[in-house]
N, C-alpha and C. Protein backbone atom coordinates (compact mmCIF):
# COMPACT_ATOMS: atom_id res chain seq x y z
N UNK A 1 0.86 -1.17 0.00
CA UNK A 1 0.00 0.00 0.00
C UNK A 1 0.90 1.23 0.00
N UNK A 2 0.68 2.12 -0.96
CA UNK A 2 1.50 3.33 -1.02
C UNK A 2 0.95 4.40 -0.08
N UNK A 3 1.68 5.51 0.02
CA UNK A 3 1.32 6.56 0.97
C UNK A 3 -0.04 7.17 0.66
N UNK A 4 -0.38 7.31 -0.60
CA UNK A 4 -1.68 7.86 -0.99
C UNK A 4 -2.82 6.95 -0.52
N UNK A 5 -2.63 5.66 -0.69
CA UNK A 5 -3.65 4.70 -0.24
C UNK A 5 -3.77 4.72 1.28
N UNK A 6 -2.62 4.80 1.96
CA UNK A 6 -2.66 4.85 3.42
C UNK A 6 -3.39 6.11 3.90
N UNK A 7 -3.15 7.24 3.23
CA UNK A 7 -3.84 8.47 3.61
C UNK A 7 -5.35 8.34 3.41
N UNK A 8 -5.75 7.69 2.31
CA UNK A 8 -7.17 7.48 2.07
C UNK A 8 -7.77 6.59 3.15
N UNK A 9 -7.07 5.50 3.49
CA UNK A 9 -7.57 4.60 4.53
C UNK A 9 -7.68 5.35 5.85
N UNK A 10 -6.71 6.20 6.18
CA UNK A 10 -6.79 7.00 7.40
C UNK A 10 -8.04 7.88 7.39
N UNK A 11 -8.31 8.50 6.24
CA UNK A 11 -9.51 9.33 6.12
C UNK A 11 -10.78 8.52 6.30
N UNK A 12 -10.81 7.35 5.66
CA UNK A 12 -11.98 6.47 5.79
C UNK A 12 -12.14 5.96 7.22
N UNK A 13 -11.03 5.67 7.89
CA UNK A 13 -11.09 5.22 9.28
C UNK A 13 -11.73 6.27 10.18
N UNK A 14 -11.45 7.53 9.89
CA UNK A 14 -12.03 8.60 10.70
C UNK A 14 -13.56 8.59 10.62
N UNK A 15 -14.09 8.25 9.47
CA UNK A 15 -15.53 8.23 9.29
C UNK A 15 -16.16 6.90 9.67
N UNK A 16 -15.52 5.81 9.31
CA UNK A 16 -16.15 4.50 9.40
C UNK A 16 -15.44 3.51 10.32
N UNK A 17 -14.37 3.91 10.96
CA UNK A 17 -13.58 2.99 11.77
C UNK A 17 -14.37 2.26 12.83
N UNK A 18 -15.33 2.94 13.45
CA UNK A 18 -16.13 2.31 14.50
C UNK A 18 -17.03 1.20 13.97
N UNK A 19 -17.23 1.15 12.66
CA UNK A 19 -18.08 0.13 12.05
C UNK A 19 -17.32 -1.17 11.77
N UNK A 20 -16.02 -1.12 11.84
CA UNK A 20 -15.20 -2.30 11.56
C UNK A 20 -15.12 -3.22 12.77
N UNK A 21 -14.76 -4.47 12.51
CA UNK A 21 -14.43 -5.38 13.60
C UNK A 21 -13.21 -4.82 14.34
N UNK A 22 -13.12 -5.09 15.63
CA UNK A 22 -12.03 -4.52 16.43
C UNK A 22 -10.65 -4.84 15.86
N UNK A 23 -10.45 -6.09 15.44
CA UNK A 23 -9.15 -6.48 14.90
C UNK A 23 -8.86 -5.75 13.60
N UNK A 24 -9.86 -5.65 12.73
CA UNK A 24 -9.65 -4.95 11.46
C UNK A 24 -9.23 -3.51 11.71
N UNK A 25 -9.94 -2.86 12.60
CA UNK A 25 -9.62 -1.46 12.90
C UNK A 25 -8.21 -1.34 13.51
N UNK A 26 -7.93 -2.20 14.47
CA UNK A 26 -6.62 -2.14 15.13
C UNK A 26 -5.50 -2.38 14.14
N UNK A 27 -5.64 -3.40 13.29
CA UNK A 27 -4.59 -3.72 12.33
C UNK A 27 -4.42 -2.59 11.31
N UNK A 28 -5.53 -2.00 10.87
CA UNK A 28 -5.44 -0.88 9.93
C UNK A 28 -4.77 0.33 10.58
N UNK A 29 -5.06 0.56 11.85
CA UNK A 29 -4.40 1.66 12.54
C UNK A 29 -2.91 1.40 12.69
N UNK A 30 -2.55 0.18 13.07
CA UNK A 30 -1.14 -0.16 13.13
C UNK A 30 -0.47 0.10 11.78
N UNK A 31 -1.11 -0.40 10.74
CA UNK A 31 -0.50 -0.39 9.41
C UNK A 31 -0.46 1.01 8.80
N UNK A 32 -1.54 1.74 8.90
CA UNK A 32 -1.64 3.04 8.22
C UNK A 32 -1.22 4.22 9.08
N UNK A 33 -1.61 4.22 10.34
CA UNK A 33 -1.30 5.35 11.20
C UNK A 33 0.08 5.22 11.84
N UNK A 34 0.39 4.01 12.32
CA UNK A 34 1.64 3.79 13.05
C UNK A 34 2.77 3.30 12.15
N UNK A 35 2.44 2.99 10.90
CA UNK A 35 3.39 2.54 9.90
C UNK A 35 4.10 1.24 10.29
N UNK A 36 3.37 0.34 10.93
CA UNK A 36 3.90 -0.99 11.23
C UNK A 36 3.87 -1.83 9.96
N UNK A 37 4.79 -2.76 9.87
CA UNK A 37 4.74 -3.75 8.78
C UNK A 37 3.80 -4.87 9.20
N UNK A 38 3.44 -5.71 8.25
CA UNK A 38 2.58 -6.85 8.57
C UNK A 38 3.27 -7.76 9.59
N UNK A 39 4.57 -7.93 9.43
CA UNK A 39 5.33 -8.77 10.38
C UNK A 39 5.29 -8.16 11.78
N UNK A 40 5.47 -6.84 11.88
CA UNK A 40 5.44 -6.19 13.19
C UNK A 40 4.06 -6.30 13.85
N UNK A 41 3.01 -6.16 13.06
CA UNK A 41 1.66 -6.30 13.61
C UNK A 41 1.45 -7.73 14.10
N UNK A 42 1.86 -8.70 13.29
CA UNK A 42 1.71 -10.11 13.68
C UNK A 42 2.44 -10.39 14.99
N UNK A 43 3.64 -9.86 15.13
CA UNK A 43 4.40 -10.06 16.37
C UNK A 43 3.72 -9.36 17.55
N UNK A 44 3.26 -8.15 17.34
CA UNK A 44 2.60 -7.38 18.40
C UNK A 44 1.33 -8.07 18.88
N UNK A 45 0.56 -8.60 17.94
CA UNK A 45 -0.73 -9.22 18.27
C UNK A 45 -0.63 -10.73 18.47
N UNK A 46 0.54 -11.29 18.25
CA UNK A 46 0.79 -12.72 18.40
C UNK A 46 -0.17 -13.55 17.54
N UNK A 47 -0.23 -13.17 16.26
CA UNK A 47 -1.03 -13.89 15.26
C UNK A 47 -0.16 -14.11 14.03
N UNK A 48 -0.68 -14.87 13.09
CA UNK A 48 0.08 -15.13 11.87
C UNK A 48 0.06 -13.92 10.95
N UNK A 49 1.03 -13.85 10.07
CA UNK A 49 1.06 -12.79 9.07
C UNK A 49 -0.16 -12.89 8.16
N UNK A 50 -0.59 -14.12 7.89
CA UNK A 50 -1.77 -14.32 7.05
C UNK A 50 -3.01 -13.73 7.71
N UNK A 51 -3.13 -13.89 9.02
CA UNK A 51 -4.28 -13.33 9.74
C UNK A 51 -4.28 -11.81 9.64
N UNK A 52 -3.11 -11.22 9.77
CA UNK A 52 -3.00 -9.76 9.65
C UNK A 52 -3.36 -9.33 8.24
N UNK A 53 -2.78 -9.99 7.27
CA UNK A 53 -3.04 -9.66 5.87
C UNK A 53 -4.53 -9.78 5.54
N UNK A 54 -5.17 -10.86 5.99
CA UNK A 54 -6.60 -11.06 5.73
C UNK A 54 -7.43 -9.95 6.37
N UNK A 55 -7.10 -9.60 7.61
CA UNK A 55 -7.86 -8.55 8.28
C UNK A 55 -7.65 -7.19 7.64
N UNK A 56 -6.45 -6.91 7.17
CA UNK A 56 -6.20 -5.64 6.46
C UNK A 56 -7.02 -5.58 5.18
N UNK A 57 -7.02 -6.68 4.44
CA UNK A 57 -7.77 -6.72 3.18
C UNK A 57 -9.26 -6.56 3.42
N UNK A 58 -9.79 -7.32 4.37
CA UNK A 58 -11.22 -7.25 4.66
C UNK A 58 -11.61 -5.88 5.22
N UNK A 59 -10.74 -5.31 6.03
CA UNK A 59 -11.01 -3.98 6.58
C UNK A 59 -11.06 -2.93 5.49
N UNK A 60 -10.12 -3.00 4.55
CA UNK A 60 -10.11 -2.05 3.43
C UNK A 60 -11.34 -2.22 2.55
N UNK A 61 -11.72 -3.45 2.33
CA UNK A 61 -12.92 -3.72 1.52
C UNK A 61 -14.16 -3.16 2.22
N UNK A 62 -14.25 -3.33 3.53
CA UNK A 62 -15.40 -2.82 4.27
C UNK A 62 -15.43 -1.29 4.22
N UNK A 63 -14.26 -0.66 4.41
CA UNK A 63 -14.20 0.81 4.35
C UNK A 63 -14.63 1.31 2.97
N UNK A 64 -14.15 0.65 1.92
CA UNK A 64 -14.53 1.03 0.56
C UNK A 64 -16.03 0.88 0.34
N UNK A 65 -16.60 -0.19 0.90
CA UNK A 65 -18.05 -0.41 0.77
C UNK A 65 -18.83 0.69 1.49
N UNK A 66 -18.44 1.01 2.70
CA UNK A 66 -19.13 2.07 3.45
C UNK A 66 -19.05 3.39 2.69
N UNK A 67 -17.89 3.68 2.15
CA UNK A 67 -17.71 4.92 1.40
C UNK A 67 -18.56 4.91 0.14
N UNK A 68 -18.63 3.78 -0.52
CA UNK A 68 -19.44 3.66 -1.74
C UNK A 68 -20.91 3.96 -1.44
N UNK A 69 -21.38 3.50 -0.30
CA UNK A 69 -22.78 3.67 0.07
C UNK A 69 -23.05 5.07 0.64
N UNK A 70 -22.18 5.54 1.52
CA UNK A 70 -22.44 6.77 2.27
C UNK A 70 -21.73 8.01 1.74
N UNK A 71 -20.57 7.84 1.13
CA UNK A 71 -19.78 8.93 0.52
C UNK A 71 -19.44 10.08 1.47
N UNK A 72 -19.27 9.79 2.75
CA UNK A 72 -18.93 10.84 3.71
C UNK A 72 -17.53 11.40 3.47
N UNK A 73 -16.59 10.54 3.18
CA UNK A 73 -15.22 10.98 2.93
C UNK A 73 -15.16 11.83 1.66
N UNK A 74 -15.79 11.38 0.60
CA UNK A 74 -15.82 12.12 -0.66
C UNK A 74 -16.46 13.50 -0.46
N UNK A 75 -17.57 13.53 0.27
CA UNK A 75 -18.24 14.80 0.53
C UNK A 75 -17.35 15.74 1.34
N UNK A 76 -16.60 15.19 2.30
CA UNK A 76 -15.72 16.05 3.10
C UNK A 76 -14.59 16.62 2.25
N UNK A 77 -14.08 15.83 1.31
CA UNK A 77 -13.03 16.33 0.42
C UNK A 77 -13.58 17.44 -0.49
N UNK A 78 -14.80 17.26 -0.97
CA UNK A 78 -15.42 18.30 -1.81
C UNK A 78 -15.64 19.57 -1.00
N UNK A 79 -16.11 19.42 0.22
CA UNK A 79 -16.33 20.60 1.07
C UNK A 79 -15.01 21.31 1.33
N UNK A 80 -13.96 20.55 1.58
CA UNK A 80 -12.66 21.14 1.83
C UNK A 80 -12.19 21.94 0.62
N UNK A 81 -12.38 21.40 -0.57
CA UNK A 81 -11.99 22.10 -1.79
C UNK A 81 -12.80 23.38 -1.98
N UNK A 82 -14.10 23.31 -1.71
CA UNK A 82 -14.95 24.51 -1.81
C UNK A 82 -14.51 25.58 -0.81
N UNK A 83 -14.17 25.15 0.39
CA UNK A 83 -13.70 26.08 1.40
C UNK A 83 -12.41 26.77 0.96
N UNK A 84 -11.49 25.99 0.40
CA UNK A 84 -10.23 26.56 -0.09
C UNK A 84 -10.49 27.55 -1.22
N UNK A 85 -11.41 27.21 -2.12
CA UNK A 85 -11.75 28.11 -3.23
C UNK A 85 -12.37 29.40 -2.71
N UNK A 86 -13.26 29.29 -1.72
CA UNK A 86 -13.90 30.45 -1.14
C UNK A 86 -12.88 31.36 -0.47
N UNK A 87 -11.99 30.77 0.31
CA UNK A 87 -10.97 31.56 0.99
C UNK A 87 -10.05 32.25 -0.01
N UNK A 88 -9.69 31.57 -1.08
CA UNK A 88 -8.83 32.17 -2.10
C UNK A 88 -9.55 33.32 -2.79
N UNK A 89 -10.83 33.14 -3.10
CA UNK A 89 -11.61 34.19 -3.77
C UNK A 89 -11.75 35.42 -2.88
N UNK A 90 -12.08 35.19 -1.62
CA UNK A 90 -12.22 36.31 -0.69
C UNK A 90 -10.89 37.02 -0.52
N UNK A 91 -9.82 36.25 -0.41
CA UNK A 91 -8.50 36.87 -0.27
C UNK A 91 -8.14 37.72 -1.47
N UNK A 92 -8.52 37.26 -2.65
CA UNK A 92 -8.18 37.97 -3.89
C UNK A 92 -9.07 39.21 -4.11
N UNK A 93 -10.36 39.08 -3.82
CA UNK A 93 -11.30 40.16 -4.16
C UNK A 93 -11.74 41.01 -2.97
N UNK A 94 -11.61 40.49 -1.78
CA UNK A 94 -12.06 41.23 -0.59
C UNK A 94 -10.99 41.19 0.49
N UNK A 95 -9.76 41.32 0.07
CA UNK A 95 -8.62 41.19 0.97
C UNK A 95 -8.61 42.15 2.14
N UNK A 96 -9.26 43.29 2.00
CA UNK A 96 -9.26 44.29 3.07
C UNK A 96 -10.42 44.13 4.05
N UNK A 97 -11.38 43.27 3.74
CA UNK A 97 -12.58 43.11 4.56
C UNK A 97 -12.30 42.09 5.67
N UNK A 98 -11.85 42.57 6.80
CA UNK A 98 -11.47 41.69 7.91
C UNK A 98 -12.68 40.99 8.53
N UNK A 99 -13.82 41.65 8.58
CA UNK A 99 -15.02 41.04 9.14
C UNK A 99 -15.45 39.85 8.29
N UNK A 100 -15.42 40.00 6.97
CA UNK A 100 -15.79 38.91 6.07
C UNK A 100 -14.83 37.73 6.24
N UNK A 101 -13.54 38.02 6.32
CA UNK A 101 -12.54 36.96 6.54
C UNK A 101 -12.81 36.22 7.85
N UNK A 102 -13.13 36.97 8.89
CA UNK A 102 -13.39 36.37 10.19
C UNK A 102 -14.62 35.46 10.14
N UNK A 103 -15.68 35.92 9.51
CA UNK A 103 -16.91 35.13 9.41
C UNK A 103 -16.68 33.85 8.61
N UNK A 104 -15.95 33.96 7.52
CA UNK A 104 -15.67 32.78 6.70
C UNK A 104 -14.78 31.81 7.46
N UNK A 105 -13.81 32.34 8.17
CA UNK A 105 -12.93 31.48 8.96
C UNK A 105 -13.73 30.72 10.01
N UNK A 106 -14.67 31.39 10.66
CA UNK A 106 -15.52 30.72 11.65
C UNK A 106 -16.33 29.61 11.00
N UNK A 107 -16.88 29.88 9.82
CA UNK A 107 -17.70 28.90 9.12
C UNK A 107 -16.85 27.70 8.70
N UNK A 108 -15.69 27.97 8.14
CA UNK A 108 -14.82 26.91 7.63
C UNK A 108 -14.29 26.03 8.76
N UNK A 109 -14.00 26.64 9.89
CA UNK A 109 -13.39 25.91 11.00
C UNK A 109 -14.40 25.31 11.97
N UNK A 110 -15.67 25.49 11.72
CA UNK A 110 -16.70 24.94 12.61
C UNK A 110 -16.79 23.44 12.40
N UNK A 111 -16.80 22.72 13.50
CA UNK A 111 -16.95 21.27 13.47
C UNK A 111 -18.40 20.93 13.24
N UNK A 112 -18.63 19.89 12.45
CA UNK A 112 -19.98 19.39 12.22
C UNK A 112 -20.21 18.27 13.21
N UNK A 113 -21.25 18.40 14.01
CA UNK A 113 -21.56 17.38 15.03
C UNK A 113 -22.64 16.45 14.54
């Protein structure tokens, strides 16, 4: 798995990680967040490399399925791009309007609950 794929899995884990089996989530976190190798995960969890590999594969498949159905990660990436475009436009055309910048910053940085 290359760095781009690991970043995507990390993003998907943020949205759907709680839906995975505990082992799948743990192994994906080891592999993608902590940058453990399959051998290191197997040693840490005292399981076979095949068990780790199977759980990583199944976990990725489940994350892809959830994303296919719900598209939360895709929507967040689109929102992020729109926010960047808005900030760039305001900076270019309304650079002196500090109140507008402040309001947009508040909107962009607000957490969705």
